[in-house]
């Protein structure tokens, strides 16, 4: 598996074909994994931001796509905050 990732990165660097449709069609499974990963983290972070009524974070998380990095940062930084929603 690591050889496959390394080969993909080497091919991308040498041939500069990352932006070509052929690259993504032949390696669609990585795109699906990234899509699944990002969707899970984005859903969790958006849910927490809305429950805490943090409009700025909600909008930023909704607009900015960072493959889950901003979402993980948000969840880690605000993990101990209580939800403000009424029970």
Protein backbone atom coordinates (compact mmCIF):
# COMPACT_ATOMS: atom_id res chain seq x y z
CA UNK A 1 0.00 0.00 0.00
CA UNK A 2 2.82 2.40 0.82
CA UNK A 3 4.47 1.58 -2.47
CA UNK A 4 1.25 2.48 -4.22
CA UNK A 5 1.01 5.84 -2.44
CA UNK A 6 4.66 6.53 -3.13
CA UNK A 7 4.25 5.63 -6.78
CA UNK A 8 1.21 7.89 -7.10
CA UNK A 9 3.08 10.80 -5.52
CA UNK A 10 6.15 10.23 -7.70
CA UNK A 11 4.04 10.05 -10.85
CA UNK A 12 2.18 13.19 -9.84
CA UNK A 13 5.40 15.08 -9.21
CA UNK A 14 7.18 13.89 -12.35
CA UNK A 15 4.33 14.08 -14.83
CA UNK A 16 2.31 16.84 -13.15
CA UNK A 17 -0.93 15.10 -14.03
CA UNK A 18 -2.71 15.46 -10.69
CA UNK A 19 -5.09 17.94 -12.25
CA UNK A 20 -5.94 15.73 -15.19
CA UNK A 21 -9.17 13.72 -15.10
CA UNK A 22 -7.27 10.53 -15.89
CA UNK A 23 -5.42 10.66 -12.58
CA UNK A 24 -8.61 10.87 -10.53
CA UNK A 25 -10.42 8.28 -12.61
CA UNK A 26 -7.63 5.77 -12.16
CA UNK A 27 -7.26 6.51 -8.43
CA UNK A 28 -10.88 7.15 -7.51
CA UNK A 29 -10.67 5.06 -4.32
CA UNK A 30 -8.39 7.68 -2.70
CA UNK A 31 -10.90 10.36 -3.59
CA UNK A 32 -13.70 8.30 -2.04
CA UNK A 33 -11.70 7.75 1.15
CA UNK A 34 -10.95 11.48 1.37
CA UNK A 35 -14.59 12.32 0.75
CA UNK A 36 -15.77 9.92 3.47
CA UNK A 37 -13.13 11.18 5.95
CA UNK A 38 -13.96 14.83 5.33
CA UNK A 39 -17.74 14.31 5.50
CA UNK A 40 -17.58 12.57 8.88
CA UNK A 41 -15.43 15.28 10.49
CA UNK A 42 -17.39 18.13 8.87
CA UNK A 43 -20.69 16.70 10.06
CA UNK A 44 -19.44 16.29 13.62
CA UNK A 45 -17.92 19.78 13.75
CA UNK A 46 -20.98 21.46 12.20
CA UNK A 47 -23.27 19.68 14.62
CA UNK A 48 -21.19 20.76 17.62
CA UNK A 49 -20.88 24.36 16.38
CA UNK A 50 -24.64 24.62 15.86
CA UNK A 51 -25.43 23.13 19.27
CA UNK A 52 -23.07 25.65 20.86
CA UNK A 53 -24.54 28.48 18.79
CA UNK A 54 -21.17 29.51 17.41
CA UNK A 55 -22.29 31.12 14.17
CA UNK A 56 -18.80 32.21 13.07
CA UNK A 57 -17.36 28.73 13.44
CA UNK A 58 -20.40 27.20 11.77
CA UNK A 59 -20.04 29.41 8.69
CA UNK A 60 -16.25 28.90 8.52
CA UNK A 61 -16.60 25.13 8.82
CA UNK A 62 -19.35 25.09 6.20
CA UNK A 63 -17.43 27.13 3.62
CA UNK A 64 -13.79 26.10 4.09
CA UNK A 65 -12.80 22.63 2.87
CA UNK A 66 -9.59 21.40 4.49
CA UNK A 67 -10.11 17.63 4.28
CA UNK A 68 -11.05 17.49 7.95
CA UNK A 69 -8.11 19.43 9.39
CA UNK A 70 -10.03 22.56 10.45
CA UNK A 71 -12.84 20.39 11.77
CA UNK A 72 -10.46 18.29 13.88
CA UNK A 73 -8.82 21.47 15.21
CA UNK A 74 -12.22 22.90 16.15
CA UNK A 75 -13.32 19.72 17.90
CA UNK A 76 -10.00 19.44 19.78
CA UNK A 77 -9.90 23.10 20.80
CA UNK A 78 -13.49 23.29 22.02
CA UNK A 79 -13.96 19.73 23.27
CA UNK A 80 -14.79 20.76 26.86
CA UNK A 81 -17.42 23.40 26.04
CA UNK A 82 -21.00 22.62 26.99
CA UNK A 83 -23.77 22.77 24.43
CA UNK A 84 -26.02 25.85 24.78
CA UNK A 85 -29.12 24.17 23.34
CA UNK A 86 -32.14 23.91 25.59
CA UNK A 87 -33.00 20.44 26.77
